[in-house]
Amino acid sequence: MRCLGYLVLLATSCGVVSCQLGEAPDELAELAPQVRPVFTWLTAVKAGDQELFKTAVSERLQAQFEKSGWDQVVGKYQESFTQVFGDYKVGDFTLGFEGGADEGTVSVKHPKMEPPGLRVIKENGAWKIDEL
């Protein structure tokens, strides 16, 4: 597995993956599959991209967010991220995965704080965030 110039630790027997993002990867495929939805989510929040945000979350979360309105959901996360992280870059985060073949938790670390981990699941063959 490679993550180009990024620090990657893969211990498959423990189900642990860690990736320091540094500068954003040229391709999402360079990241471990389990952390891709979190990277996508961070990117979507930073850019205010509702469509990209939708691709990062499970069908269950999509149904919940649909009720609130995607513009409000993305706007709320943008506001919160700006308050907590300031003028952040996606590359400021370190992501780690711990779990099994179909579900687990992605840890998110930032120099300013370490928010709670995000539950991810494998849904229709792709990893998605299932709890925010």
N, C-alpha and C. Protein backbone atom coordinates (compact mmCIF):
# COMPACT_ATOMS: atom_id res chain seq x y z
N MET A 1 0.86 -1.17 0.00
CA MET A 1 0.00 0.00 0.00
C MET A 1 0.89 1.22 0.00
N ARG A 2 0.51 2.23 -0.78
CA ARG A 2 1.31 3.44 -0.75
C ARG A 2 0.42 4.65 -0.55
N CYS A 3 1.01 5.66 -0.06
CA CYS A 3 0.30 6.91 0.21
C CYS A 3 1.23 8.02 -0.23
N LEU A 4 1.95 7.82 -1.30
CA LEU A 4 2.99 8.68 -1.83
C LEU A 4 3.81 9.29 -0.71
N GLY A 5 4.03 10.52 -0.63
CA GLY A 5 4.93 11.10 0.38
C GLY A 5 4.35 11.11 1.78
N TYR A 6 3.35 10.35 2.04
CA TYR A 6 2.67 10.39 3.33
C TYR A 6 3.13 9.23 4.20
N LEU A 7 3.13 9.47 5.48
CA LEU A 7 3.48 8.43 6.43
C LEU A 7 2.33 7.46 6.53
N VAL A 8 2.61 6.21 6.21
CA VAL A 8 1.56 5.20 6.27
C VAL A 8 2.05 4.03 7.09
N LEU A 9 1.23 3.60 7.97
CA LEU A 9 1.52 2.43 8.78
C LEU A 9 0.37 1.48 8.59
N LEU A 10 0.68 0.28 8.15
CA LEU A 10 -0.38 -0.70 7.95
C LEU A 10 -0.01 -1.95 8.72
N ALA A 11 -0.85 -2.30 9.66
CA ALA A 11 -0.66 -3.51 10.45
C ALA A 11 -1.93 -4.33 10.27
N THR A 12 -1.98 -5.09 9.18
CA THR A 12 -3.22 -5.76 8.82
C THR A 12 -3.70 -6.74 9.87
N SER A 13 -2.80 -7.34 10.60
CA SER A 13 -3.25 -8.30 11.60
C SER A 13 -4.04 -7.63 12.71
N CYS A 14 -3.76 -6.35 12.97
CA CYS A 14 -4.48 -5.61 14.00
C CYS A 14 -5.62 -4.79 13.42
N GLY A 15 -5.72 -4.73 12.09
CA GLY A 15 -6.74 -3.92 11.47
C GLY A 15 -6.52 -2.44 11.72
N VAL A 16 -5.27 -1.99 11.65
CA VAL A 16 -4.94 -0.60 11.94
C VAL A 16 -4.29 0.02 10.72
N VAL A 17 -4.76 1.20 10.34
CA VAL A 17 -4.18 1.96 9.24
C VAL A 17 -4.04 3.39 9.71
N SER A 18 -2.91 4.01 9.44
CA SER A 18 -2.72 5.41 9.81
C SER A 18 -2.11 6.15 8.63
N CYS A 19 -2.58 7.38 8.40
CA CYS A 19 -2.06 8.16 7.28
C CYS A 19 -1.98 9.63 7.66
N GLN A 20 -0.77 10.19 7.63
CA GLN A 20 -0.60 11.64 7.79
C GLN A 20 -0.83 12.23 6.42
N LEU A 21 -1.82 13.10 6.30
CA LEU A 21 -2.20 13.58 4.98
C LEU A 21 -1.18 14.52 4.36
N GLY A 22 -0.52 15.37 5.16
CA GLY A 22 0.42 16.32 4.57
C GLY A 22 -0.30 17.15 3.53
N GLU A 23 0.30 17.35 2.40
CA GLU A 23 -0.42 18.00 1.31
C GLU A 23 -1.40 16.98 0.75
N ALA A 24 -2.55 17.44 0.34
CA ALA A 24 -3.62 16.53 -0.11
C ALA A 24 -3.13 15.64 -1.25
N PRO A 25 -3.46 14.38 -1.20
CA PRO A 25 -3.06 13.46 -2.26
C PRO A 25 -3.63 13.88 -3.60
N ASP A 26 -2.90 13.59 -4.67
CA ASP A 26 -3.39 13.90 -6.00
C ASP A 26 -4.63 13.07 -6.32
N GLU A 27 -4.66 11.87 -5.82
CA GLU A 27 -5.78 10.99 -6.09
C GLU A 27 -6.24 10.36 -4.79
N LEU A 28 -7.54 10.28 -4.66
CA LEU A 28 -8.13 9.67 -3.48
C LEU A 28 -7.69 8.22 -3.36
N ALA A 29 -7.42 7.58 -4.48
CA ALA A 29 -7.03 6.17 -4.49
C ALA A 29 -5.71 5.93 -3.76
N GLU A 30 -4.94 6.98 -3.50
CA GLU A 30 -3.66 6.82 -2.82
C GLU A 30 -3.84 6.55 -1.33
N LEU A 31 -5.05 6.78 -0.81
CA LEU A 31 -5.32 6.57 0.61
C LEU A 31 -5.89 5.19 0.86
N ALA A 32 -5.74 4.71 2.08
CA ALA A 32 -6.36 3.45 2.48
C ALA A 32 -7.87 3.59 2.31
N PRO A 33 -8.53 2.59 1.80
CA PRO A 33 -9.98 2.68 1.52
C PRO A 33 -10.81 3.08 2.74
N GLN A 34 -10.41 2.63 3.91
CA GLN A 34 -11.19 2.89 5.12
C GLN A 34 -11.21 4.37 5.51
N VAL A 35 -10.16 5.12 5.18
CA VAL A 35 -10.09 6.53 5.56
C VAL A 35 -10.56 7.46 4.44
N ARG A 36 -10.78 6.93 3.26
CA ARG A 36 -11.20 7.76 2.12
C ARG A 36 -12.47 8.57 2.39
N PRO A 37 -13.51 7.98 3.00
CA PRO A 37 -14.71 8.81 3.21
C PRO A 37 -14.46 9.98 4.16
N VAL A 38 -13.58 9.82 5.11
CA VAL A 38 -13.29 10.91 6.04
C VAL A 38 -12.49 11.99 5.33
N PHE A 39 -11.53 11.60 4.52
CA PHE A 39 -10.79 12.57 3.71
C PHE A 39 -11.75 13.32 2.79
N THR A 40 -12.68 12.60 2.16
CA THR A 40 -13.66 13.21 1.27
C THR A 40 -14.54 14.18 2.05
N TRP A 41 -14.97 13.79 3.23
CA TRP A 41 -15.81 14.63 4.07
C TRP A 41 -15.07 15.91 4.47
N LEU A 42 -13.82 15.78 4.91
CA LEU A 42 -13.02 16.96 5.28
C LEU A 42 -12.87 17.90 4.08
N THR A 43 -12.62 17.33 2.91
CA THR A 43 -12.47 18.12 1.69
C THR A 43 -13.77 18.82 1.34
N ALA A 44 -14.88 18.10 1.46
CA ALA A 44 -16.20 18.66 1.13
C ALA A 44 -16.57 19.80 2.07
N VAL A 45 -16.29 19.64 3.36
CA VAL A 45 -16.60 20.70 4.32
C VAL A 45 -15.76 21.93 4.00
N LYS A 46 -14.48 21.75 3.77
CA LYS A 46 -13.59 22.88 3.47
C LYS A 46 -14.06 23.63 2.22
N ALA A 47 -14.48 22.89 1.19
CA ALA A 47 -14.88 23.49 -0.08
C ALA A 47 -16.35 23.91 -0.11
N GLY A 48 -17.13 23.47 0.88
CA GLY A 48 -18.56 23.75 0.86
C GLY A 48 -19.28 22.99 -0.24
N ASP A 49 -18.77 21.83 -0.57
CA ASP A 49 -19.28 21.02 -1.68
C ASP A 49 -20.31 20.00 -1.19
N GLN A 50 -21.58 20.31 -1.38
CA GLN A 50 -22.66 19.45 -0.91
C GLN A 50 -22.66 18.08 -1.60
N GLU A 51 -22.41 18.06 -2.88
CA GLU A 51 -22.43 16.79 -3.63
C GLU A 51 -21.29 15.87 -3.16
N LEU A 52 -20.13 16.43 -2.94
CA LEU A 52 -19.00 15.64 -2.46
C LEU A 52 -19.29 15.13 -1.05
N PHE A 53 -19.88 15.97 -0.22
CA PHE A 53 -20.25 15.59 1.15
C PHE A 53 -21.15 14.35 1.11
N LYS A 54 -22.14 14.36 0.23
CA LYS A 54 -23.09 13.24 0.12
C LYS A 54 -22.37 11.92 -0.16
N THR A 55 -21.30 11.97 -0.96
CA THR A 55 -20.60 10.74 -1.34
C THR A 55 -19.84 10.13 -0.18
N ALA A 56 -19.59 10.92 0.87
CA ALA A 56 -18.79 10.44 2.00
C ALA A 56 -19.61 9.74 3.07
N VAL A 57 -20.92 9.95 3.08
CA VAL A 57 -21.74 9.44 4.17
C VAL A 57 -22.66 8.32 3.72
N SER A 58 -23.05 7.49 4.69
CA SER A 58 -23.90 6.34 4.42
C SER A 58 -25.31 6.77 4.00
N GLU A 59 -26.04 5.84 3.45
CA GLU A 59 -27.43 6.10 3.06
C GLU A 59 -28.26 6.53 4.26
N ARG A 60 -27.99 5.96 5.42
CA ARG A 60 -28.71 6.32 6.64
C ARG A 60 -28.50 7.79 6.98
N LEU A 61 -27.24 8.24 6.94
CA LEU A 61 -26.96 9.64 7.22
C LEU A 61 -27.51 10.56 6.13
N GLN A 62 -27.43 10.11 4.88
CA GLN A 62 -27.98 10.92 3.80
C GLN A 62 -29.47 11.19 4.03
N ALA A 63 -30.20 10.17 4.45
CA ALA A 63 -31.63 10.33 4.72
C ALA A 63 -31.87 11.35 5.84
N GLN A 64 -31.04 11.29 6.89
CA GLN A 64 -31.17 12.25 7.99
C GLN A 64 -30.87 13.67 7.53
N PHE A 65 -29.78 13.83 6.79
CA PHE A 65 -29.35 15.16 6.36
C PHE A 65 -30.29 15.75 5.31
N GLU A 66 -30.91 14.89 4.54
CA GLU A 66 -31.86 15.35 3.52
C GLU A 66 -32.99 16.15 4.18
N LYS A 67 -33.41 15.72 5.35
CA LYS A 67 -34.50 16.39 6.08
C LYS A 67 -34.10 17.80 6.50
N SER A 68 -32.84 17.97 6.88
CA SER A 68 -32.36 19.28 7.34
C SER A 68 -32.02 20.22 6.19
N GLY A 69 -31.68 19.64 5.06
CA GLY A 69 -31.23 20.43 3.91
C GLY A 69 -29.71 20.42 3.85
N TRP A 70 -29.18 20.03 2.72
CA TRP A 70 -27.73 19.86 2.58
C TRP A 70 -26.99 21.18 2.77
N ASP A 71 -27.56 22.28 2.33
CA ASP A 71 -26.87 23.56 2.49
C ASP A 71 -26.69 23.90 3.97
N GLN A 72 -27.71 23.60 4.78
CA GLN A 72 -27.59 23.86 6.22
C GLN A 72 -26.59 22.91 6.89
N VAL A 73 -26.62 21.65 6.48
CA VAL A 73 -25.71 20.66 7.07
C VAL A 73 -24.27 21.04 6.78
N VAL A 74 -23.96 21.28 5.53
CA VAL A 74 -22.58 21.62 5.15
C VAL A 74 -22.17 22.94 5.80
N GLY A 75 -23.07 23.91 5.80
CA GLY A 75 -22.79 25.21 6.42
C GLY A 75 -22.49 25.10 7.90
N LYS A 76 -23.23 24.23 8.58
CA LYS A 76 -23.01 24.02 10.02
C LYS A 76 -21.62 23.43 10.28
N TYR A 77 -21.22 22.45 9.46
CA TYR A 77 -19.89 21.87 9.63
C TYR A 77 -18.80 22.89 9.28
N GLN A 78 -19.02 23.68 8.24
CA GLN A 78 -18.02 24.71 7.89
C GLN A 78 -17.82 25.68 9.05
N GLU A 79 -18.92 26.12 9.62
CA GLU A 79 -18.84 27.07 10.74
C GLU A 79 -18.11 26.45 11.93
N SER A 80 -18.47 25.22 12.27
CA SER A 80 -17.83 24.53 13.40
C SER A 80 -16.35 24.33 13.16
N PHE A 81 -15.98 23.89 11.96
CA PHE A 81 -14.57 23.65 11.65
C PHE A 81 -13.77 24.94 11.73
N THR A 82 -14.33 26.02 11.23
CA THR A 82 -13.63 27.30 11.26
C THR A 82 -13.44 27.76 12.71
N GLN A 83 -14.45 27.58 13.53
CA GLN A 83 -14.33 27.96 14.94
C GLN A 83 -13.26 27.15 15.66
N VAL A 84 -13.24 25.85 15.41
CA VAL A 84 -12.33 24.96 16.13
C VAL A 84 -10.91 24.98 15.54
N PHE A 85 -10.80 24.90 14.21
CA PHE A 85 -9.50 24.72 13.57
C PHE A 85 -8.94 25.99 12.92
N GLY A 86 -9.73 27.06 12.87
CA GLY A 86 -9.27 28.28 12.22
C GLY A 86 -9.16 28.09 10.72
N ASP A 87 -8.15 28.71 10.12
CA ASP A 87 -7.93 28.58 8.68
C ASP A 87 -7.13 27.31 8.42
N TYR A 88 -7.81 26.19 8.48
CA TYR A 88 -7.15 24.88 8.38
C TYR A 88 -6.99 24.43 6.94
N LYS A 89 -6.13 23.44 6.78
CA LYS A 89 -5.98 22.73 5.50
C LYS A 89 -6.31 21.27 5.78
N VAL A 90 -6.86 20.60 4.79
CA VAL A 90 -7.17 19.18 4.95
C VAL A 90 -5.90 18.41 5.30
N GLY A 91 -4.78 18.85 4.76
CA GLY A 91 -3.50 18.19 5.02
C GLY A 91 -3.01 18.31 6.45
N ASP A 92 -3.68 19.14 7.26
CA ASP A 92 -3.30 19.28 8.67
C ASP A 92 -3.72 18.07 9.51
N PHE A 93 -4.62 17.25 8.97
CA PHE A 93 -5.19 16.13 9.72
C PHE A 93 -4.42 14.85 9.51
N THR A 94 -4.42 14.02 10.55
CA THR A 94 -3.91 12.65 10.46
C THR A 94 -5.10 11.74 10.70
N LEU A 95 -5.26 10.76 9.83
CA LEU A 95 -6.37 9.83 9.93
C LEU A 95 -5.85 8.44 10.24
N GLY A 96 -6.57 7.71 11.06
CA GLY A 96 -6.21 6.33 11.38
C GLY A 96 -7.45 5.48 11.40
N PHE A 97 -7.31 4.23 11.04
CA PHE A 97 -8.44 3.30 11.04
C PHE A 97 -8.14 2.14 11.96
N GLU A 98 -9.15 1.76 12.70
CA GLU A 98 -9.06 0.55 13.50
C GLU A 98 -10.40 -0.16 13.36
N GLY A 99 -10.36 -1.42 12.98
CA GLY A 99 -11.60 -2.16 12.82
C GLY A 99 -11.42 -3.40 11.98
N GLY A 100 -12.54 -3.85 11.43
CA GLY A 100 -12.55 -5.09 10.69
C GLY A 100 -12.80 -4.88 9.21
N ALA A 101 -13.27 -5.95 8.56
CA ALA A 101 -13.45 -5.95 7.11
C ALA A 101 -14.63 -5.11 6.66
N ASP A 102 -15.63 -4.91 7.54
CA ASP A 102 -16.84 -4.21 7.12
C ASP A 102 -17.21 -2.99 7.95
N GLU A 103 -16.51 -2.75 9.05
CA GLU A 103 -16.80 -1.59 9.88
C GLU A 103 -15.63 -1.29 10.79
N GLY A 104 -15.61 -0.07 11.28
CA GLY A 104 -14.54 0.32 12.19
C GLY A 104 -14.67 1.78 12.55
N THR A 105 -13.58 2.34 13.08
CA THR A 105 -13.55 3.73 13.50
C THR A 105 -12.34 4.41 12.88
N VAL A 106 -12.56 5.60 12.35
CA VAL A 106 -11.46 6.41 11.83
C VAL A 106 -11.18 7.50 12.85
N SER A 107 -9.96 7.49 13.36
CA SER A 107 -9.54 8.56 14.27
C SER A 107 -9.12 9.76 13.42
N VAL A 108 -9.41 10.94 13.94
CA VAL A 108 -9.07 12.19 13.26
C VAL A 108 -8.25 13.01 14.23
N LYS A 109 -7.02 13.32 13.84
CA LYS A 109 -6.16 14.13 14.71
C LYS A 109 -5.77 15.40 13.99
N HIS A 110 -5.75 16.48 14.75
CA HIS A 110 -5.36 17.79 14.24
C HIS A 110 -4.46 18.41 15.31
N PRO A 111 -3.49 19.23 14.93
CA PRO A 111 -2.62 19.84 15.94
C PRO A 111 -3.37 20.60 17.03
N LYS A 112 -4.55 21.13 16.73
CA LYS A 112 -5.30 21.89 17.73
C LYS A 112 -6.16 21.02 18.63
N MET A 113 -6.54 19.83 18.16
CA MET A 113 -7.37 18.96 18.98
C MET A 113 -7.53 17.59 18.32
N GLU A 114 -8.02 16.67 19.08
CA GLU A 114 -8.30 15.33 18.57
C GLU A 114 -9.79 15.05 18.78
N PRO A 115 -10.60 15.31 17.75
CA PRO A 115 -12.04 15.06 17.90
C PRO A 115 -12.32 13.56 18.05
N PRO A 116 -13.52 13.21 18.47
CA PRO A 116 -13.88 11.79 18.58
C PRO A 116 -13.76 11.09 17.23
N GLY A 117 -13.52 9.79 17.27
CA GLY A 117 -13.44 9.01 16.04
C GLY A 117 -14.78 8.95 15.32
N LEU A 118 -14.72 8.63 14.04
CA LEU A 118 -15.92 8.53 13.22
C LEU A 118 -16.15 7.07 12.84
N ARG A 119 -17.37 6.61 13.03
CA ARG A 119 -17.72 5.23 12.67
C ARG A 119 -17.86 5.16 11.15
N VAL A 120 -17.19 4.18 10.55
CA VAL A 120 -17.29 3.94 9.11
C VAL A 120 -17.77 2.51 8.88
N ILE A 121 -18.48 2.35 7.77
CA ILE A 121 -18.99 1.03 7.40
C ILE A 121 -18.73 0.81 5.91
N LYS A 122 -18.72 -0.44 5.53
CA LYS A 122 -18.65 -0.78 4.12
C LYS A 122 -20.08 -0.94 3.64
N GLU A 123 -20.48 -0.10 2.70
CA GLU A 123 -21.85 -0.08 2.21
C GLU A 123 -21.83 -0.17 0.69
N ASN A 124 -22.46 -1.20 0.16
CA ASN A 124 -22.48 -1.40 -1.29
C ASN A 124 -21.08 -1.40 -1.89
N GLY A 125 -20.13 -2.00 -1.15
CA GLY A 125 -18.77 -2.15 -1.64
C GLY A 125 -17.85 -0.95 -1.41
N ALA A 126 -18.36 0.14 -0.83
CA ALA A 126 -17.54 1.32 -0.60
C ALA A 126 -17.62 1.72 0.87
N TRP A 127 -16.54 2.27 1.40
CA TRP A 127 -16.51 2.74 2.78
C TRP A 127 -17.22 4.07 2.89
N LYS A 128 -18.06 4.21 3.92
CA LYS A 128 -18.85 5.43 4.15
C LYS A 128 -18.82 5.77 5.63
N ILE A 129 -18.92 7.05 5.94
CA ILE A 129 -19.08 7.48 7.33
C ILE A 129 -20.51 7.18 7.73
N ASP A 130 -20.70 6.55 8.91
CA ASP A 130 -22.03 6.21 9.35
C ASP A 130 -22.40 6.87 10.67
N GLU A 131 -21.50 7.72 11.16
CA GLU A 131 -21.80 8.45 12.40
C GLU A 131 -20.94 9.70 12.45
N LEU A 132 -21.61 10.84 12.58
CA LEU A 132 -20.90 12.13 12.69
C LEU A 132 -21.27 12.79 13.99
